[in-house]
C-alpha atoms as a PDB file:
ATOM      1  CA  UNK A   1     -14.440  -1.279  23.418  1.00  0.00           C
ATOM      2  CA  UNK A   2     -17.317   0.856  24.656  1.00  0.00           C
ATOM      3  CA  UNK A   3     -15.121   3.925  25.002  1.00  0.00           C
ATOM      4  CA  UNK A   4     -14.176   3.677  21.316  1.00  0.00           C
ATOM      5  CA  UNK A   5     -17.846   3.270  20.394  1.00  0.00           C
ATOM      6  CA  UNK A   6     -18.822   6.346  22.411  1.00  0.00           C
ATOM      7  CA  UNK A   7     -16.169   8.417  20.617  1.00  0.00           C
ATOM      8  CA  UNK A   8     -17.389   7.132  17.267  1.00  0.00           C
ATOM      9  CA  UNK A   9     -20.988   7.954  18.178  1.00  0.00           C
ATOM     10  CA  UNK A  10     -20.114  11.537  19.165  1.00  0.00           C
ATOM     11  CA  UNK A  11     -18.222  12.020  15.898  1.00  0.00           C
ATOM     12  CA  UNK A  12     -21.066  10.563  13.837  1.00  0.00           C
ATOM     13  CA  UNK A  13     -23.532  12.940  15.449  1.00  0.00           C
ATOM     14  CA  UNK A  14     -21.193  15.869  14.850  1.00  0.00           C
ATOM     15  CA  UNK A  15     -20.680  14.950  11.187  1.00  0.00           C
ATOM     16  CA  UNK A  16     -24.317  14.078  10.446  1.00  0.00           C
ATOM     17  CA  UNK A  17     -26.659  16.006  12.759  1.00  0.00           C
ATOM     18  CA  UNK A  18     -30.118  14.495  12.891  1.00  0.00           C
ATOM     19  CA  UNK A  19     -29.185  10.820  12.820  1.00  0.00           C
ATOM     20  CA  UNK A  20     -31.893   8.886  14.618  1.00  0.00           C
ATOM     21  CA  UNK A  21     -31.476   5.893  16.890  1.00  0.00           C
ATOM     22  CA  UNK A  22     -31.983   3.357  14.107  1.00  0.00           C
ATOM     23  CA  UNK A  23     -29.344   4.988  11.888  1.00  0.00           C
ATOM     24  CA  UNK A  24     -26.815   5.143  14.721  1.00  0.00           C
ATOM     25  CA  UNK A  25     -27.534   1.520  15.598  1.00  0.00           C
ATOM     26  CA  UNK A  26     -26.764   0.478  12.020  1.00  0.00           C
ATOM     27  CA  UNK A  27     -23.545   2.505  11.893  1.00  0.00           C
ATOM     28  CA  UNK A  28     -22.311   1.194  15.231  1.00  0.00           C
ATOM     29  CA  UNK A  29     -23.662  -2.353  14.829  1.00  0.00           C
ATOM     30  CA  UNK A  30     -25.560  -2.266  18.123  1.00  0.00           C
ATOM     31  CA  UNK A  31     -29.195  -2.261  19.213  1.00  0.00           C
ATOM     32  CA  UNK A  32     -31.269   0.908  19.517  1.00  0.00           C
ATOM     33  CA  UNK A  33     -31.481   0.270  23.252  1.00  0.00           C
ATOM     34  CA  UNK A  34     -27.668   0.365  23.400  1.00  0.00           C
ATOM     35  CA  UNK A  35     -27.739   3.655  21.466  1.00  0.00           C
ATOM     36  CA  UNK A  36     -29.998   5.182  24.127  1.00  0.00           C
ATOM     37  CA  UNK A  37     -27.685   4.010  26.929  1.00  0.00           C
ATOM     38  CA  UNK A  38     -24.622   5.313  25.093  1.00  0.00           C
ATOM     39  CA  UNK A  39     -26.242   8.715  24.542  1.00  0.00           C
ATOM     40  CA  UNK A  40     -26.954   8.901  28.265  1.00  0.00           C
ATOM     41  CA  UNK A  41     -23.303   8.014  28.952  1.00  0.00           C
ATOM     42  CA  UNK A  42     -22.121  10.812  26.642  1.00  0.00           C
ATOM     43  CA  UNK A  43     -24.408  13.293  28.366  1.00  0.00           C
ATOM     44  CA  UNK A  44     -23.122  12.177  31.762  1.00  0.00           C
ATOM     45  CA  UNK A  45     -19.567  12.772  30.502  1.00  0.00           C
ATOM     46  CA  UNK A  46     -20.412  16.359  29.555  1.00  0.00           C
ATOM     47  CA  UNK A  47     -20.987  15.895  25.804  1.00  0.00           C
ATOM     48  CA  UNK A  48     -24.019  18.072  24.971  1.00  0.00           C
ATOM     49  CA  UNK A  49     -26.033  15.509  22.946  1.00  0.00           C
ATOM     50  CA  UNK A  50     -29.679  16.485  22.408  1.00  0.00           C
ATOM     51  CA  UNK A  51     -32.543  14.372  21.140  1.00  0.00           C
ATOM     52  CA  UNK A  52     -35.146  16.194  19.038  1.00  0.00           C
ATOM     53  CA  UNK A  53     -38.478  14.890  17.764  1.00  0.00           C
ATOM     54  CA  UNK A  54     -40.105  15.418  14.412  1.00  0.00           C
ATOM     55  CA  UNK A  55     -39.088  15.114  10.759  1.00  0.00           C
ATOM     56  CA  UNK A  56     -35.934  17.194  11.318  1.00  0.00           C
ATOM     57  CA  UNK A  57     -35.282  15.570  14.687  1.00  0.00           C
ATOM     58  CA  UNK A  58     -32.766  12.974  15.736  1.00  0.00           C
ATOM     59  CA  UNK A  59     -29.600  13.467  17.711  1.00  0.00           C
ATOM     60  CA  UNK A  60     -27.687  16.768  17.609  1.00  0.00           C
ATOM     61  CA  UNK A  61     -24.809  18.400  19.449  1.00  0.00           C
ATOM     62  CA  UNK A  62     -25.276  21.772  21.048  1.00  0.00           C
ATOM     63  CA  UNK A  63     -24.496  24.650  18.634  1.00  0.00           C
ATOM     64  CA  UNK A  64     -20.802  25.514  18.552  1.00  0.00           C
ATOM     65  CA  UNK A  65     -19.685  22.260  20.146  1.00  0.00           C
ATOM     66  CA  UNK A  66     -16.950  21.123  17.738  1.00  0.00           C
ATOM     67  CA  UNK A  67     -13.270  21.484  17.053  1.00  0.00           C
ATOM     68  CA  UNK A  68     -11.995  22.392  13.632  1.00  0.00           C
ATOM     69  CA  UNK A  69      -8.663  21.797  11.936  1.00  0.00           C
ATOM     70  CA  UNK A  70      -8.586  24.962   9.834  1.00  0.00           C
ATOM     71  CA  UNK A  71      -4.983  24.807   8.639  1.00  0.00           C
ATOM     72  CA  UNK A  72      -5.466  22.091   6.017  1.00  0.00           C
ATOM     73  CA  UNK A  73      -5.700  23.246   2.419  1.00  0.00           C
ATOM     74  CA  UNK A  74      -8.255  21.281   0.329  1.00  0.00           C
ATOM     75  CA  UNK A  75      -5.438  19.807  -1.782  1.00  0.00           C
ATOM     76  CA  UNK A  76      -3.681  18.621   1.392  1.00  0.00           C
ATOM     77  CA  UNK A  77      -6.890  16.996   2.591  1.00  0.00           C
ATOM     78  CA  UNK A  78      -7.335  15.232  -0.757  1.00  0.00           C
ATOM     79  CA  UNK A  79      -3.831  13.798  -0.506  1.00  0.00           C
ATOM     80  CA  UNK A  80      -4.205  12.816   3.135  1.00  0.00           C
ATOM     81  CA  UNK A  81      -7.327  10.777   2.459  1.00  0.00           C
ATOM     82  CA  UNK A  82      -5.485   8.831  -0.238  1.00  0.00           C
ATOM     83  CA  UNK A  83      -2.757   7.703   2.136  1.00  0.00           C
ATOM     84  CA  UNK A  84      -4.540   4.628   3.495  1.00  0.00           C
ATOM     85  CA  UNK A  85      -4.521   1.175   1.928  1.00  0.00           C
ATOM     86  CA  UNK A  86      -7.641  -0.569   3.288  1.00  0.00           C
ATOM     87  CA  UNK A  87      -6.452  -4.137   2.652  1.00  0.00           C
ATOM     88  CA  UNK A  88      -3.037  -3.420   4.158  1.00  0.00           C
ATOM     89  CA  UNK A  89      -4.567  -1.909   7.289  1.00  0.00           C
ATOM     90  CA  UNK A  90      -6.847  -4.925   7.613  1.00  0.00           C
ATOM     91  CA  UNK A  91      -3.882  -7.302   7.320  1.00  0.00           C
ATOM     92  CA  UNK A  92      -2.094  -5.406  10.094  1.00  0.00           C
ATOM     93  CA  UNK A  93      -5.166  -5.457  12.349  1.00  0.00           C
ATOM     94  CA  UNK A  94      -5.485  -1.663  12.152  1.00  0.00           C
ATOM     95  CA  UNK A  95      -8.614  -1.184  10.024  1.00  0.00           C
ATOM     96  CA  UNK A  96     -10.867  -0.278  12.979  1.00  0.00           C
ATOM     97  CA  UNK A  97      -8.333   2.199  14.320  1.00  0.00           C
ATOM     98  CA  UNK A  98      -7.911   3.731  10.857  1.00  0.00           C
ATOM     99  CA  UNK A  99     -11.667   4.105  10.410  1.00  0.00           C
ATOM    100  CA  UNK A 100     -11.956   5.889  13.757  1.00  0.00           C
ATOM    101  CA  UNK A 101      -8.962   8.115  13.011  1.00  0.00           C
ATOM    102  CA  UNK A 102     -10.369   9.050   9.601  1.00  0.00           C
ATOM    103  CA  UNK A 103     -13.709   9.839  11.212  1.00  0.00           C
ATOM    104  CA  UNK A 104     -12.018  12.005  13.840  1.00  0.00           C
ATOM    105  CA  UNK A 105     -10.131  13.906  11.162  1.00  0.00           C
ATOM    106  CA  UNK A 106     -13.252  14.352   9.040  1.00  0.00           C
ATOM    107  CA  UNK A 107     -15.091  15.742  12.046  1.00  0.00           C
ATOM    108  CA  UNK A 108     -12.487  18.454  12.542  1.00  0.00           C
ATOM    109  CA  UNK A 109     -12.418  19.710   8.960  1.00  0.00           C
ATOM    110  CA  UNK A 110     -14.218  22.773   7.731  1.00  0.00           C
ATOM    111  CA  UNK A 111     -17.092  21.886   5.358  1.00  0.00           C
ATOM    112  CA  UNK A 112     -15.172  23.079   2.263  1.00  0.00           C
ATOM    113  CA  UNK A 113     -12.094  21.046   3.140  1.00  0.00           C
ATOM    114  CA  UNK A 114     -14.217  18.040   4.110  1.00  0.00           C
ATOM    115  CA  UNK A 115     -15.821  18.089   0.664  1.00  0.00           C
ATOM    116  CA  UNK A 116     -12.378  18.005  -0.976  1.00  0.00           C
ATOM    117  CA  UNK A 117     -11.339  14.997   1.098  1.00  0.00           C
ATOM    118  CA  UNK A 118     -14.533  13.082   0.341  1.00  0.00           C
ATOM    119  CA  UNK A 119     -14.135  13.941  -3.348  1.00  0.00           C
ATOM    120  CA  UNK A 120     -10.690  12.337  -3.524  1.00  0.00           C
ATOM    121  CA  UNK A 121     -11.981   9.128  -1.932  1.00  0.00           C
ATOM    122  CA  UNK A 122     -14.678   8.888  -4.606  1.00  0.00           C
ATOM    123  CA  UNK A 123     -12.174   9.343  -7.434  1.00  0.00           C
ATOM    124  CA  UNK A 124      -9.062   7.395  -6.402  1.00  0.00           C
ATOM    125  CA  UNK A 125      -8.428   3.993  -4.864  1.00  0.00           C
ATOM    126  CA  UNK A 126      -4.974   2.622  -4.044  1.00  0.00           C
ATOM    127  CA  UNK A 127      -4.797  -1.103  -4.823  1.00  0.00           C
ATOM    128  CA  UNK A 128      -1.392  -2.506  -3.858  1.00  0.00           C
ATOM    129  CA  UNK A 129      -1.654  -6.203  -4.844  1.00  0.00           C
ATOM    130  CA  UNK A 130      -0.684  -7.215  -8.359  1.00  0.00           C
ATOM    131  CA  UNK A 131      -3.162  -8.379 -10.987  1.00  0.00           C
ATOM    132  CA  UNK A 132      -3.932 -12.102 -11.196  1.00  0.00           C
ATOM    133  CA  UNK A 133      -2.546 -12.766  -7.734  1.00  0.00           C
ATOM    134  CA  UNK A 134      -4.684 -13.427  -4.700  1.00  0.00           C
ATOM    135  CA  UNK A 135      -3.044 -11.455  -1.871  1.00  0.00           C
ATOM    136  CA  UNK A 136      -2.324 -13.532   1.204  1.00  0.00           C
ATOM    137  CA  UNK A 137      -2.075 -12.387   4.804  1.00  0.00           C
ATOM    138  CA  UNK A 138       0.835 -14.129   6.565  1.00  0.00           C
ATOM    139  CA  UNK A 139      -0.240 -15.597   9.882  1.00  0.00           C
ATOM    140  CA  UNK A 140       2.482 -13.812  11.865  1.00  0.00           C
ATOM    141  CA  UNK A 141       1.982 -10.387  10.247  1.00  0.00           C
ATOM    142  CA  UNK A 142      -0.139  -8.814  13.054  1.00  0.00           C
ATOM    143  CA  UNK A 143       2.370 -10.027  15.666  1.00  0.00           C
ATOM    144  CA  UNK A 144       5.223  -8.549  13.641  1.00  0.00           C
ATOM    145  CA  UNK A 145       3.313  -5.278  13.338  1.00  0.00           C
ATOM    146  CA  UNK A 146       2.975  -5.105  17.134  1.00  0.00           C
ATOM    147  CA  UNK A 147       6.729  -5.635  17.504  1.00  0.00           C
ATOM    148  CA  UNK A 148       7.394  -2.844  14.985  1.00  0.00           C
ATOM    149  CA  UNK A 149       5.093  -0.463  16.858  1.00  0.00           C
ATOM    150  CA  UNK A 150       6.658  -1.221  20.255  1.00  0.00           C
ATOM    151  CA  UNK A 151      10.330  -1.306  19.088  1.00  0.00           C
ATOM    152  CA  UNK A 152      10.792  -4.773  20.595  1.00  0.00           C
ATOM    153  CA  UNK A 153      13.599  -7.096  19.498  1.00  0.00           C
ATOM    154  CA  UNK A 154      12.290 -10.436  18.233  1.00  0.00           C
ATOM    155  CA  UNK A 155      13.724 -13.917  17.690  1.00  0.00           C
ATOM    156  CA  UNK A 156      12.929 -14.740  14.076  1.00  0.00           C
ATOM    157  CA  UNK A 157      12.875 -18.160  12.413  1.00  0.00           C
ATOM    158  CA  UNK A 158      12.996 -17.879   8.640  1.00  0.00           C
ATOM    159  CA  UNK A 159      12.812 -20.393   5.782  1.00  0.00           C
ATOM    160  CA  UNK A 160      15.530 -19.377   3.340  1.00  0.00           C
ATOM    161  CA  UNK A 161      15.147 -20.766  -0.198  1.00  0.00           C
ATOM    162  CA  UNK A 162      17.891 -23.187  -1.258  1.00  0.00           C
ATOM    163  CA  UNK A 163      19.987 -23.008  -4.392  1.00  0.00           C
ATOM    164  CA  UNK A 164      18.871 -24.957  -7.466  1.00  0.00           C
ATOM    165  CA  UNK A 165      16.759 -27.917  -6.329  1.00  0.00           C
ATOM    166  CA  UNK A 166      18.074 -27.965  -2.749  1.00  0.00           C
ATOM    167  CA  UNK A 167      15.376 -27.762  -0.034  1.00  0.00           C
ATOM    168  CA  UNK A 168      14.944 -24.508   1.916  1.00  0.00           C
ATOM    169  CA  UNK A 169      17.142 -23.998   4.959  1.00  0.00           C
ATOM    170  CA  UNK A 170      15.890 -22.629   8.256  1.00  0.00           C
ATOM    171  CA  UNK A 171      17.761 -19.917  10.122  1.00  0.00           C
ATOM    172  CA  UNK A 172      17.029 -18.172  13.417  1.00  0.00           C
ATOM    173  CA  UNK A 173      18.373 -14.841  14.596  1.00  0.00           C
ATOM    174  CA  UNK A 174      17.555 -11.838  16.737  1.00  0.00           C
ATOM    175  CA  UNK A 175      16.231  -8.867  14.755  1.00  0.00           C
ATOM    176  CA  UNK A 176      15.273  -5.309  15.613  1.00  0.00           C
ATOM    177  CA  UNK A 177      12.088  -4.834  13.511  1.00  0.00           C
ATOM    178  CA  UNK A 178      12.151  -1.354  11.951  1.00  0.00           C
ATOM    179  CA  UNK A 179       9.282  -1.485   9.466  1.00  0.00           C
ATOM    180  CA  UNK A 180       6.937  -3.436   7.218  1.00  0.00           C
ATOM    181  CA  UNK A 181       6.610  -2.881   3.466  1.00  0.00           C
ATOM    182  CA  UNK A 182       3.827  -4.082   1.159  1.00  0.00           C
ATOM    183  CA  UNK A 183       5.139  -4.623  -2.381  1.00  0.00           C
ATOM    184  CA  UNK A 184       2.851  -6.028  -5.114  1.00  0.00           C
ATOM    185  CA  UNK A 185       0.763  -7.950  -2.584  1.00  0.00           C
ATOM    186  CA  UNK A 186       3.770  -9.354  -0.658  1.00  0.00           C
ATOM    187  CA  UNK A 187       4.756  -8.199   2.831  1.00  0.00           C
ATOM    188  CA  UNK A 188       8.417  -7.641   3.765  1.00  0.00           C
ATOM    189  CA  UNK A 189      10.033  -6.958   7.140  1.00  0.00           C
ATOM    190  CA  UNK A 190      12.984  -4.564   7.274  1.00  0.00           C
ATOM    191  CA  UNK A 191      15.104  -5.054  10.370  1.00  0.00           C
ATOM    192  CA  UNK A 192      18.547  -4.505  11.854  1.00  0.00           C
ATOM    193  CA  UNK A 193      20.760  -7.024  13.594  1.00  0.00           C
ATOM    194  CA  UNK A 194      21.322  -6.043  17.241  1.00  0.00           C
ATOM    195  CA  UNK A 195      24.733  -4.495  17.781  1.00  0.00           C
ATOM    196  CA  UNK A 196      25.106  -3.472  14.137  1.00  0.00           C
ATOM    197  CA  UNK A 197      26.419   0.012  13.549  1.00  0.00           C
ATOM    198  CA  UNK A 198      23.654   2.410  12.502  1.00  0.00           C
ATOM    199  CA  UNK A 199      23.820   3.179   8.832  1.00  0.00           C
ATOM    200  CA  UNK A 200      26.018   0.207   7.845  1.00  0.00           C
ATOM    201  CA  UNK A 201      24.363  -1.797   5.094  1.00  0.00           C
ATOM    202  CA  UNK A 202      25.505  -5.160   6.412  1.00  0.00           C
ATOM    203  CA  UNK A 203      23.566  -4.622   9.647  1.00  0.00           C
ATOM    204  CA  UNK A 204      20.233  -4.444   7.783  1.00  0.00           C
ATOM    205  CA  UNK A 205      18.139  -7.395   6.669  1.00  0.00           C
ATOM    206  CA  UNK A 206      14.950  -7.801   4.625  1.00  0.00           C
ATOM    207  CA  UNK A 207      12.671 -10.823   5.061  1.00  0.00           C
ATOM    208  CA  UNK A 208       9.589 -11.987   3.211  1.00  0.00           C
ATOM    209  CA  UNK A 209       6.976 -12.220   5.962  1.00  0.00           C
ATOM    210  CA  UNK A 210       5.318 -15.303   4.443  1.00  0.00           C
ATOM    211  CA  UNK A 211       8.617 -17.157   4.990  1.00  0.00           C
ATOM    212  CA  UNK A 212       8.746 -16.342   8.708  1.00  0.00           C
ATOM    213  CA  UNK A 213       7.870 -19.643  10.375  1.00  0.00           C
ATOM    214  CA  UNK A 214       8.162 -18.724  14.050  1.00  0.00           C
ATOM    215  CA  UNK A 215       8.385 -15.646  16.208  1.00  0.00           C
ATOM    216  CA  UNK A 216       9.382 -15.161  19.836  1.00  0.00           C
ATOM    217  CA  UNK A 217       9.950 -12.050  21.977  1.00  0.00           C
ATOM    218  CA  UNK A 218      13.566 -11.022  22.433  1.00  0.00           C
ATOM    219  CA  UNK A 219      14.805  -8.558  25.036  1.00  0.00           C
ATOM    220  CA  UNK A 220      12.275  -7.003  27.391  1.00  0.00           C
ATOM    221  CA  UNK A 221      13.472  -3.430  26.904  1.00  0.00           C
ATOM    222  CA  UNK A 222      12.721  -1.568  23.637  1.00  0.00           C
ATOM    223  CA  UNK A 223      15.688  -1.198  21.326  1.00  0.00           C
ATOM    224  CA  UNK A 224      16.998   2.303  20.577  1.00  0.00           C
ATOM    225  CA  UNK A 225      15.731   3.166  17.107  1.00  0.00           C
ATOM    226  CA  UNK A 226      18.161   4.892  14.754  1.00  0.00           C
ATOM    227  CA  UNK A 227      16.683   8.389  14.494  1.00  0.00           C
ATOM    228  CA  UNK A 228      18.168   8.880  11.039  1.00  0.00           C
ATOM    229  CA  UNK A 229      16.474   5.788   9.585  1.00  0.00           C
ATOM    230  CA  UNK A 230      13.721   6.442   7.032  1.00  0.00           C
ATOM    231  CA  UNK A 231      11.840   3.357   5.853  1.00  0.00           C
ATOM    232  CA  UNK A 232      10.847   4.755   2.453  1.00  0.00           C
ATOM    233  CA  UNK A 233      14.361   5.917   1.615  1.00  0.00           C
ATOM    234  CA  UNK A 234      15.890   2.650   2.805  1.00  0.00           C
ATOM    235  CA  UNK A 235      13.471   0.550   0.765  1.00  0.00           C
ATOM    236  CA  UNK A 236      14.015   2.609  -2.373  1.00  0.00           C
ATOM    237  CA  UNK A 237      17.790   2.241  -2.167  1.00  0.00           C
ATOM    238  CA  UNK A 238      17.887  -1.438  -1.165  1.00  0.00           C
ATOM    239  CA  UNK A 239      14.856  -3.035  -2.848  1.00  0.00           C
ATOM    240  CA  UNK A 240      16.591  -3.699  -6.158  1.00  0.00           C
ATOM    241  CA  UNK A 241      19.565  -5.366  -4.461  1.00  0.00           C
ATOM    242  CA  UNK A 242      17.289  -7.464  -2.266  1.00  0.00           C
ATOM    243  CA  UNK A 243      15.215  -8.626  -5.237  1.00  0.00           C
ATOM    244  CA  UNK A 244      18.388  -9.582  -7.132  1.00  0.00           C
ATOM    245  CA  UNK A 245      19.768 -11.470  -4.111  1.00  0.00           C
ATOM    246  CA  UNK A 246      16.724 -13.768  -4.211  1.00  0.00           C
ATOM    247  CA  UNK A 247      17.709 -14.969  -7.693  1.00  0.00           C
ATOM    248  CA  UNK A 248      20.153 -17.696  -6.667  1.00  0.00           C
ATOM    249  CA  UNK A 249      19.954 -19.951  -9.765  1.00  0.00           C
ATOM    250  CA  UNK A 250      20.908 -19.284 -13.395  1.00  0.00           C
ATOM    251  CA  UNK A 251      19.057 -20.962 -16.265  1.00  0.00           C
ATOM    252  CA  UNK A 252      20.296 -20.915 -19.876  1.00  0.00           C
ATOM    253  CA  UNK A 253      17.443 -20.626 -22.370  1.00  0.00           C
ATOM    254  CA  UNK A 254      16.884 -20.127 -26.081  1.00  0.00           C
ATOM    255  CA  UNK A 255      13.912 -17.942 -27.030  1.00  0.00           C
ATOM    256  CA  UNK A 256      11.929 -17.108 -30.122  1.00  0.00           C
ATOM    257  CA  UNK A 257      11.177 -13.486 -30.878  1.00  0.00           C
ATOM    258  CA  UNK A 258       7.733 -13.887 -29.338  1.00  0.00           C
ATOM    259  CA  UNK A 259       9.192 -15.635 -26.280  1.00  0.00           C
ATOM    260  CA  UNK A 260      11.619 -12.748 -25.807  1.00  0.00           C
ATOM    261  CA  UNK A 261       8.730 -10.274 -25.898  1.00  0.00           C
ATOM    262  CA  UNK A 262       6.733 -12.308 -23.389  1.00  0.00           C
ATOM    263  CA  UNK A 263       9.630 -12.962 -21.000  1.00  0.00           C
ATOM    264  CA  UNK A 264       9.018  -9.838 -18.829  1.00  0.00           C
ATOM    265  CA  UNK A 265       5.464 -11.072 -18.200  1.00  0.00           C
ATOM    266  CA  UNK A 266       6.593 -14.350 -16.621  1.00  0.00           C
ATOM    267  CA  UNK A 267      10.112 -13.880 -15.187  1.00  0.00           C
ATOM    268  CA  UNK A 268      11.474 -11.808 -12.297  1.00  0.00           C
ATOM    269  CA  UNK A 269      12.072  -8.203 -13.296  1.00  0.00           C
ATOM    270  CA  UNK A 270      15.250  -8.024 -11.223  1.00  0.00           C
ATOM    271  CA  UNK A 271      16.986 -10.614 -13.419  1.00  0.00           C
ATOM    272  CA  UNK A 272      15.646  -9.771 -16.859  1.00  0.00           C
ATOM    273  CA  UNK A 273      17.764  -6.639 -17.428  1.00  0.00           C
ATOM    274  CA  UNK A 274      20.920  -8.529 -16.517  1.00  0.00           C
ATOM    275  CA  UNK A 275      19.941 -11.440 -18.772  1.00  0.00           C
ATOM    276  CA  UNK A 276      19.222  -9.216 -21.756  1.00  0.00           C
ATOM    277  CA  UNK A 277      22.489  -7.327 -21.312  1.00  0.00           C
ATOM    278  CA  UNK A 278      24.450 -10.564 -21.684  1.00  0.00           C
ATOM    279  CA  UNK A 279      22.299 -12.169 -24.353  1.00  0.00           C
ATOM    280  CA  UNK A 280      23.690 -13.273 -27.683  1.00  0.00           C
ATOM    281  CA  UNK A 281      22.291 -11.758 -30.848  1.00  0.00           C
ATOM    282  CA  UNK A 282      19.686 -13.682 -32.838  1.00  0.00           C
ATOM    283  CA  UNK A 283      21.178 -16.693 -34.617  1.00  0.00           C
ATOM    284  CA  UNK A 284      20.456 -17.690 -38.209  1.00  0.00           C
ATOM    285  CA  UNK A 285      17.008 -18.989 -37.192  1.00  0.00           C
ATOM    286  CA  UNK A 286      16.175 -15.827 -35.201  1.00  0.00           C
ATOM    287  CA  UNK A 287      16.583 -17.444 -31.756  1.00  0.00           C
ATOM    288  CA  UNK A 288      18.215 -15.591 -28.834  1.00  0.00           C
ATOM    289  CA  UNK A 289      20.217 -17.394 -26.120  1.00  0.00           C
ATOM    290  CA  UNK A 290      20.576 -15.878 -22.655  1.00  0.00           C
ATOM    291  CA  UNK A 291      21.392 -16.740 -19.021  1.00  0.00           C
ATOM    292  CA  UNK A 292      18.354 -15.935 -16.875  1.00  0.00           C
ATOM    293  CA  UNK A 293      18.757 -15.448 -13.096  1.00  0.00           C
ATOM    294  CA  UNK A 294      15.852 -16.997 -11.205  1.00  0.00           C
ATOM    295  CA  UNK A 295      14.993 -17.953  -7.655  1.00  0.00           C
ATOM    296  CA  UNK A 296      15.229 -21.748  -8.109  1.00  0.00           C
ATOM    297  CA  UNK A 297      14.728 -24.487 -10.663  1.00  0.00           C
ATOM    298  CA  UNK A 298      11.194 -24.991  -9.379  1.00  0.00           C
ATOM    299  CA  UNK A 299      10.378 -21.330  -9.906  1.00  0.00           C
ATOM    300  CA  UNK A 300      12.015 -21.347 -13.336  1.00  0.00           C
ATOM    301  CA  UNK A 301       9.973 -24.402 -14.349  1.00  0.00           C
ATOM    302  CA  UNK A 302       6.751 -22.685 -13.310  1.00  0.00           C
ATOM    303  CA  UNK A 303       7.626 -19.383 -14.992  1.00  0.00           C
ATOM    304  CA  UNK A 304       9.060 -20.668 -18.266  1.00  0.00           C
ATOM    305  CA  UNK A 305       6.297 -23.251 -18.743  1.00  0.00           C
ATOM    306  CA  UNK A 306       4.002 -20.347 -19.541  1.00  0.00           C
ATOM    307  CA  UNK A 307       6.035 -19.583 -22.678  1.00  0.00           C
ATOM    308  CA  UNK A 308       5.273 -22.975 -24.224  1.00  0.00           C
ATOM    309  CA  UNK A 309       7.210 -23.712 -27.421  1.00  0.00           C
ATOM    310  CA  UNK A 310       8.679 -20.187 -27.476  1.00  0.00           C
ATOM    311  CA  UNK A 311      11.420 -21.219 -25.020  1.00  0.00           C
ATOM    312  CA  UNK A 312      13.931 -24.078 -24.918  1.00  0.00           C
ATOM    313  CA  UNK A 313      15.838 -24.753 -21.691  1.00  0.00           C
ATOM    314  CA  UNK A 314      19.479 -25.618 -22.432  1.00  0.00           C
ATOM    315  CA  UNK A 315      20.816 -25.855 -18.865  1.00  0.00           C
ATOM    316  CA  UNK A 316      20.848 -27.036 -16.164  1.00  0.00           C
ATOM    317  CA  UNK A 317      20.353 -30.603 -17.342  1.00  0.00           C
ATOM    318  CA  UNK A 318      17.893 -31.473 -14.576  1.00  0.00           C
ATOM    319  CA  UNK A 319      15.567 -28.649 -15.538  1.00  0.00           C
ATOM    320  CA  UNK A 320      15.812 -29.535 -19.231  1.00  0.00           C
ATOM    321  CA  UNK A 321      14.831 -33.117 -18.329  1.00  0.00           C
ATOM    322  CA  UNK A 322      11.762 -31.840 -16.486  1.00  0.00           C
ATOM    323  CA  UNK A 323      10.631 -29.898 -19.544  1.00  0.00           C
ATOM    324  CA  UNK A 324      11.183 -32.970 -21.718  1.00  0.00           C
ATOM    325  CA  UNK A 325       8.987 -35.038 -19.373  1.00  0.00           C
ATOM    326  CA  UNK A 326       6.321 -32.350 -19.464  1.00  0.00           C
ATOM    327  CA  UNK A 327       6.451 -32.216 -23.289  1.00  0.00           C
ATOM    328  CA  UNK A 328       6.122 -36.004 -23.583  1.00  0.00           C
ATOM    329  CA  UNK A 329       3.184 -36.015 -21.161  1.00  0.00           C
ATOM    330  CA  UNK A 330       1.430 -33.299 -23.151  1.00  0.00           C
ATOM    331  CA  UNK A 331       2.096 -35.101 -26.435  1.00  0.00           C
ATOM    332  CA  UNK A 332       0.586 -38.283 -25.020  1.00  0.00           C
ATOM    333  CA  UNK A 333      -2.411 -36.384 -23.678  1.00  0.00           C
ATOM    334  CA  UNK A 334      -3.141 -34.807 -27.056  1.00  0.00           C
ATOM    335  CA  UNK A 335      -2.392 -37.876 -29.162  1.00  0.00           C
ATOM    336  CA  UNK A 336      -5.133 -38.224 -31.830  1.00  0.00           C
ATOM    337  CA  UNK A 337      -7.767 -40.718 -30.731  1.00  0.00           C
ATOM    338  CA  UNK A 338      -9.146 -43.473 -32.987  1.00  0.00           C
ATOM    339  CA  UNK A 339     -12.550 -42.759 -34.468  1.00  0.00           C
ATOM    340  CA  UNK A 340     -14.280 -45.335 -32.242  1.00  0.00           C
ATOM    341  CA  UNK A 341     -12.964 -43.669 -29.062  1.00  0.00           C
ATOM    342  CA  UNK A 342     -14.037 -40.128 -29.826  1.00  0.00           C
END
């Protein structure tokens, strides 16, 4: 802990010569007395930190004491400083390490390149979670991240959603964790089943991290990572198929023109294209009937309820009955009240 703080202090002094004890204490979240002791420790380790008095005083490094990464073009620096997602790093327990790494990199840049990097941070912010959704951090995410870093096989217990109104089923299996992906505020684990042939699609699995209910260490020795595996390429080629595989229930609905326009705002994107491709043309009243793939009847009820009277569920019968009960409850709630009860 102290070693990391000493490194951070040296980099702060290099980046901002003249910081006084109070400023360093605020940056490092320590007392000024601790700052003095840490400066003495840096000096004892051979770091030429000097303390100067006066208006232009504060802590400085000896002239020429710095390393510079001179091969970065300003455009490269701008791009590099956009590569971090602060909330994602925090979820993974890596925000402190990322801050220190960014500070180290900043300290090595030439002033012109440093200005380009700082400029990009002021102008662009990468916000992964979707609108109107509070991103959640699964409890087991940091532990999964450690397994990914160390290439350790894990025993995974996973709640798999059931078909229609069936309850979720729980499965357990050994998985080689290859990577974590953050998509629209949801974390996914990409892994391979031990013994699967590298490159064969059936050996790979994708899990929603918030459905991982238990985690245990597997083999003691690290697994041999497939050197040809690239997480970004794998996700791009398999994400659509994975999203479609989650849609295990089909609901038949009849939609108004407005309901059809609003459908992409409430339903799963992976199933909408398929549903529209097989939809019937508008009938004499202008209504369109289609079969919509969805994750479950519960999910369909939640999604389609947002369309109000612009959607009618035709099948399955159980889901239609739920909408009828909801409609009757709403009608009773909004029944006109007698004058003496208003």
